[in-house]
Amino acid sequence: MVSKQKILIVDDDNNIAELISLYLTKECFETLIVNDGESAVTAVYSFQPNLILLDIMLPGIDGYQVCREIRAKLSVPIIMLSAKGEVFDKVLGLELGADDYMEKPFDAKELVARVKAVLRRYKPTAAAEPENTDKIVHYPDLDINLTNYSVVYQGQNVDMPPKELELLYFLASSPNHVFTREQLLDQIWCYEYIGDTRTVDVHIKRLREKIKDHENWKISTIWGIGYKFEVRN
């Protein structure tokens, strides 16, 4: 029997949390609800969720700090939930390591769709299969493996959330090809992303903090257009 995927729901409004849990349970997910930040950090290790739905406004430590603490050690996908709809709040959440951001009030069916979309991308595979060998990109001092969601940079494993890794892989698998921000949103976020193209800029910034320019390659900004993975011959 295939085990259910587990979703940790972190929200101090138990009515909202129960509603989310109801919809996810109907879609055959296993859920756990916690109502504060400290409990969330503890539950991540005891429950071992496949994905976290994280409210920002929490008693004790807020969602931003919870996200920061989790992301410092784990790459489990995180979708932030908040009544704060300002661009600053969304960008801050993404910079801290969230994979997506939904503004309250939201449609429960859309939330379930986004959960499924994020989980589809995050599928570490225990054993590589022959047909997936083309999902590995090699460059000097850089190996990007989309089959098992791993990045090795200068001989060291680099921890990355799923969307960061997918963005890096997508750019690196088409060297010297310029992609607009809109194209990157379409490719990395399969559903219609409700936000703006600054989402791409945030993820590029985080990649550059982890993967520095190399003498043979770098992530280049094409001003007014987008980005490319530049390879020097």
Protein backbone atom coordinates (compact mmCIF):
# COMPACT_ATOMS: atom_id res chain seq x y z
CA MET A 1 0.00 0.00 0.00
CA VAL A 2 1.29 3.46 -0.93
CA SER A 3 1.61 5.68 2.14
CA LYS A 4 -0.28 8.96 2.19
CA GLN A 5 1.59 12.20 1.74
CA LYS A 6 1.59 14.26 4.92
CA ILE A 7 0.72 17.95 5.20
CA LEU A 8 1.51 20.00 8.30
CA ILE A 9 -1.03 22.82 8.73
CA VAL A 10 0.20 25.70 10.90
CA ASP A 11 -2.52 28.27 11.68
CA ASP A 12 -3.78 29.81 14.92
CA ASP A 13 -7.29 30.04 13.47
CA ASN A 14 -8.54 26.51 14.08
CA ASN A 15 -11.64 27.00 11.88
CA ILE A 16 -9.46 27.77 8.87
CA ALA A 17 -7.08 24.95 9.73
CA GLU A 18 -9.92 22.44 10.04
CA LEU A 19 -11.38 23.55 6.70
CA ILE A 20 -8.01 23.13 4.98
CA SER A 21 -7.59 19.73 6.63
CA LEU A 22 -11.04 18.63 5.45
CA TYR A 23 -10.27 19.44 1.81
CA LEU A 24 -6.85 17.81 1.96
CA THR A 25 -8.19 14.70 3.68
CA LYS A 26 -10.75 14.31 0.89
CA GLU A 27 -7.81 14.27 -1.52
CA CYS A 28 -6.21 11.43 0.47
CA PHE A 29 -3.59 13.47 2.31
CA GLU A 30 -2.74 12.87 5.94
CA THR A 31 -2.81 16.12 7.94
CA LEU A 32 -1.67 17.45 11.29
CA ILE A 33 -2.77 20.81 12.69
CA VAL A 34 -0.68 22.92 15.08
CA ASN A 35 -1.58 26.43 16.22
CA ASP A 36 1.70 28.15 17.10
CA GLY A 37 5.25 28.54 15.83
CA GLU A 38 7.04 26.54 18.52
CA SER A 39 4.76 23.55 17.95
CA ALA A 40 5.34 23.84 14.21
CA VAL A 41 9.13 23.56 14.53
CA THR A 42 8.75 20.53 16.80
CA ALA A 43 6.14 18.87 14.55
CA VAL A 44 8.37 19.12 11.49
CA TYR A 45 10.72 16.55 13.05
CA SER A 46 8.12 14.32 14.69
CA PHE A 47 5.50 14.32 11.89
CA GLN A 48 7.99 14.59 8.98
CA PRO A 49 5.57 16.24 6.55
CA ASN A 50 5.93 16.22 2.78
CA LEU A 51 4.75 19.85 2.72
CA ILE A 52 4.00 22.64 5.22
CA LEU A 53 1.15 25.16 5.01
CA LEU A 54 2.42 27.99 7.18
CA ASP A 55 0.44 31.00 8.38
CA ILE A 56 2.52 34.12 9.03
CA MET A 57 0.62 35.62 11.97
CA LEU A 58 1.19 33.11 14.78
CA PRO A 59 1.43 33.41 18.56
CA GLY A 60 4.99 33.18 19.87
CA ILE A 61 7.40 33.06 16.95
CA ASP A 62 5.78 34.16 13.70
CA GLY A 63 5.67 32.31 10.40
CA TYR A 64 8.69 34.14 9.00
CA GLN A 65 10.87 32.92 11.85
CA VAL A 66 9.43 29.40 11.61
CA CYS A 67 10.25 29.36 7.90
CA ARG A 68 13.78 30.61 8.60
CA GLU A 69 14.41 27.93 11.23
CA ILE A 70 13.02 25.10 9.10
CA ARG A 71 14.79 26.18 5.94
CA ALA A 72 18.14 26.39 7.73
CA LYS A 73 18.07 22.59 8.16
CA LEU A 74 15.46 21.10 5.80
CA SER A 75 14.28 21.49 2.21
CA VAL A 76 10.66 20.42 2.84
CA PRO A 77 8.34 22.53 0.61
CA ILE A 78 6.60 25.45 2.35
CA ILE A 79 3.53 27.38 1.20
CA MET A 80 2.95 30.53 3.24
CA LEU A 81 -0.58 31.69 4.03
CA SER A 82 -1.27 35.28 5.08
CA ALA A 83 -3.80 38.09 5.12
CA LYS A 84 -0.86 40.36 4.26
CA GLY A 85 -1.08 40.99 0.54
CA GLU A 86 1.66 43.57 0.07
CA VAL A 87 4.46 42.76 -2.37
CA PHE A 88 7.00 43.28 0.44
CA ASP A 89 5.41 40.51 2.52
CA LYS A 90 5.35 38.10 -0.40
CA VAL A 91 8.96 38.83 -1.36
CA LEU A 92 10.10 38.47 2.25
CA GLY A 93 8.42 35.07 2.53
CA LEU A 94 10.04 33.88 -0.69
CA GLU A 95 13.44 35.24 0.32
CA LEU A 96 13.25 33.27 3.56
CA GLY A 97 12.73 30.07 1.59
CA ALA A 98 8.99 29.64 1.01
CA ASP A 99 8.08 27.90 -2.25
CA ASP A 100 4.77 29.70 -2.69
CA TYR A 101 2.62 32.37 -1.04
CA MET A 102 -1.18 32.50 -0.88
CA GLU A 103 -3.13 35.51 0.29
CA LYS A 104 -6.13 35.10 2.61
CA PRO A 105 -8.98 34.72 1.99
CA PHE A 106 -8.29 31.99 -0.53
CA ASP A 107 -10.29 29.36 -2.34
CA ALA A 108 -9.75 25.97 -0.70
CA LYS A 109 -9.79 24.16 -4.06
CA GLU A 110 -7.06 26.46 -5.39
CA LEU A 111 -5.00 25.77 -2.27
CA VAL A 112 -5.30 22.01 -2.84
CA ALA A 113 -4.26 22.51 -6.48
CA ARG A 114 -1.19 24.45 -5.42
CA VAL A 115 -0.28 21.82 -2.85
CA LYS A 116 -0.42 19.16 -5.55
CA ALA A 117 1.57 21.31 -7.97
CA VAL A 118 4.40 21.85 -5.47
CA LEU A 119 4.45 18.18 -4.48
CA ARG A 120 4.60 17.10 -8.14
CA ARG A 121 7.88 18.96 -8.44
CA TYR A 122 9.35 17.63 -5.24
CA LYS A 123 9.78 13.91 -5.82
CA PRO A 124 13.20 12.73 -4.64
CA THR A 125 13.70 9.29 -6.14
CA ALA A 126 15.38 6.55 -4.15
CA ALA A 127 16.86 4.81 -7.21
CA ALA A 128 17.63 6.44 -10.52
CA GLU A 129 15.92 4.91 -13.52
CA PRO A 130 17.51 4.73 -16.98
CA GLU A 131 14.93 7.01 -18.58
CA ASN A 132 15.72 9.77 -16.08
CA THR A 133 19.45 9.94 -16.79
CA ASP A 134 18.87 12.95 -19.06
CA LYS A 135 17.73 14.96 -16.03
CA ILE A 136 21.32 15.55 -14.93
CA VAL A 137 23.34 18.60 -16.03
CA HIS A 138 27.13 18.70 -15.58
CA TYR A 139 29.41 21.73 -15.65
CA PRO A 140 32.85 22.27 -14.12
CA ASP A 141 32.34 22.30 -10.31
CA LEU A 142 28.56 22.01 -10.72
CA ASP A 143 26.24 18.98 -10.99
CA ILE A 144 22.47 19.49 -11.04
CA ASN A 145 20.36 16.34 -10.71
CA LEU A 146 16.62 16.73 -11.18
CA THR A 147 16.05 13.00 -10.70
CA ASN A 148 16.96 13.03 -7.02
CA TYR A 149 16.76 16.82 -6.49
CA SER A 150 20.39 17.37 -5.60
CA VAL A 151 23.01 20.00 -6.41
CA VAL A 152 26.74 19.52 -5.91
CA TYR A 153 28.80 22.71 -6.13
CA GLN A 154 32.59 22.57 -5.80
CA GLY A 155 32.29 19.09 -4.35
CA GLN A 156 29.75 20.05 -1.67
CA ASN A 157 26.03 19.27 -1.53
CA VAL A 158 23.94 22.44 -1.65
CA ASP A 159 20.55 22.42 0.07
CA MET A 160 17.87 24.00 -2.12
CA PRO A 161 14.08 24.21 -2.01
CA PRO A 162 12.43 22.51 -5.02
CA LYS A 163 11.70 25.64 -7.04
CA GLU A 164 15.23 27.00 -6.68
CA LEU A 165 16.65 23.73 -7.95
CA GLU A 166 14.16 23.51 -10.81
CA LEU A 167 14.93 27.07 -11.88
CA LEU A 168 18.67 26.38 -11.84
CA TYR A 169 18.21 23.13 -13.76
CA PHE A 170 15.95 24.77 -16.35
CA LEU A 171 18.42 27.59 -17.04
CA ALA A 172 21.50 25.33 -17.01
CA SER A 173 19.92 22.78 -19.36
CA SER A 174 19.61 25.52 -22.02
CA PRO A 175 23.01 27.27 -21.85
CA ASN A 176 23.22 30.81 -23.29
CA HIS A 177 19.48 30.86 -23.98
CA VAL A 178 17.77 34.01 -22.71
CA PHE A 179 14.45 33.50 -20.90
CA THR A 180 12.06 36.26 -19.92
CA ARG A 181 10.73 36.35 -16.38
CA GLU A 182 7.29 35.45 -17.72
CA GLN A 183 8.69 32.38 -19.50
CA LEU A 184 10.43 31.25 -16.33
CA LEU A 185 7.22 31.67 -14.33
CA ASP A 186 5.35 29.57 -16.90
CA GLN A 187 7.98 26.83 -16.82
CA ILE A 188 8.70 26.58 -13.10
CA TRP A 189 5.24 27.43 -11.77
CA CYS A 190 2.94 25.28 -13.96
CA TYR A 191 -0.24 26.83 -12.58
CA GLU A 192 -1.09 30.49 -13.10
CA TYR A 193 0.99 32.22 -10.46
CA ILE A 194 -0.91 35.03 -8.73
CA GLY A 195 1.81 37.55 -8.09
CA ASP A 196 4.42 39.34 -10.15
CA THR A 197 7.65 38.55 -11.91
CA ARG A 198 9.68 39.66 -8.90
CA THR A 199 9.18 36.09 -7.72
CA VAL A 200 11.78 35.05 -10.31
CA ASP A 201 14.18 37.79 -9.19
CA VAL A 202 13.95 36.58 -5.58
CA HIS A 203 14.78 33.00 -6.55
CA ILE A 204 17.68 34.12 -8.78
CA LYS A 205 19.07 36.17 -5.89
CA ARG A 206 18.93 33.12 -3.60
CA LEU A 207 20.64 30.95 -6.24
CA ARG A 208 23.46 33.47 -6.62
CA GLU A 209 24.01 33.46 -2.87
CA LYS A 210 24.56 29.69 -2.99
CA ILE A 211 26.14 29.27 -6.44
CA LYS A 212 28.84 31.87 -7.15
CA ASP A 213 30.01 32.84 -10.64
CA HIS A 214 32.50 30.39 -12.12
CA GLU A 215 35.22 31.06 -14.68
CA ASN A 216 33.34 28.75 -17.09
CA TRP A 217 29.74 29.69 -16.33
CA LYS A 218 27.44 32.06 -14.44
CA ILE A 219 23.80 33.13 -14.12
CA SER A 220 23.59 36.35 -16.13
CA THR A 221 21.00 39.12 -16.00
CA ILE A 222 19.83 40.41 -19.36
CA TRP A 223 18.59 43.83 -18.36
CA GLY A 224 14.99 44.54 -19.28
CA ILE A 225 14.44 40.96 -20.47
CA GLY A 226 15.33 38.20 -18.01
CA TYR A 227 18.10 35.70 -17.33
CA LYS A 228 20.35 33.11 -18.93
CA PHE A 229 22.88 30.51 -17.82
CA GLU A 230 25.96 31.87 -19.57
CA VAL A 231 28.64 29.36 -20.55
CA ARG A 232 32.05 30.58 -21.63
CA ASN A 233 33.89 28.53 -24.24
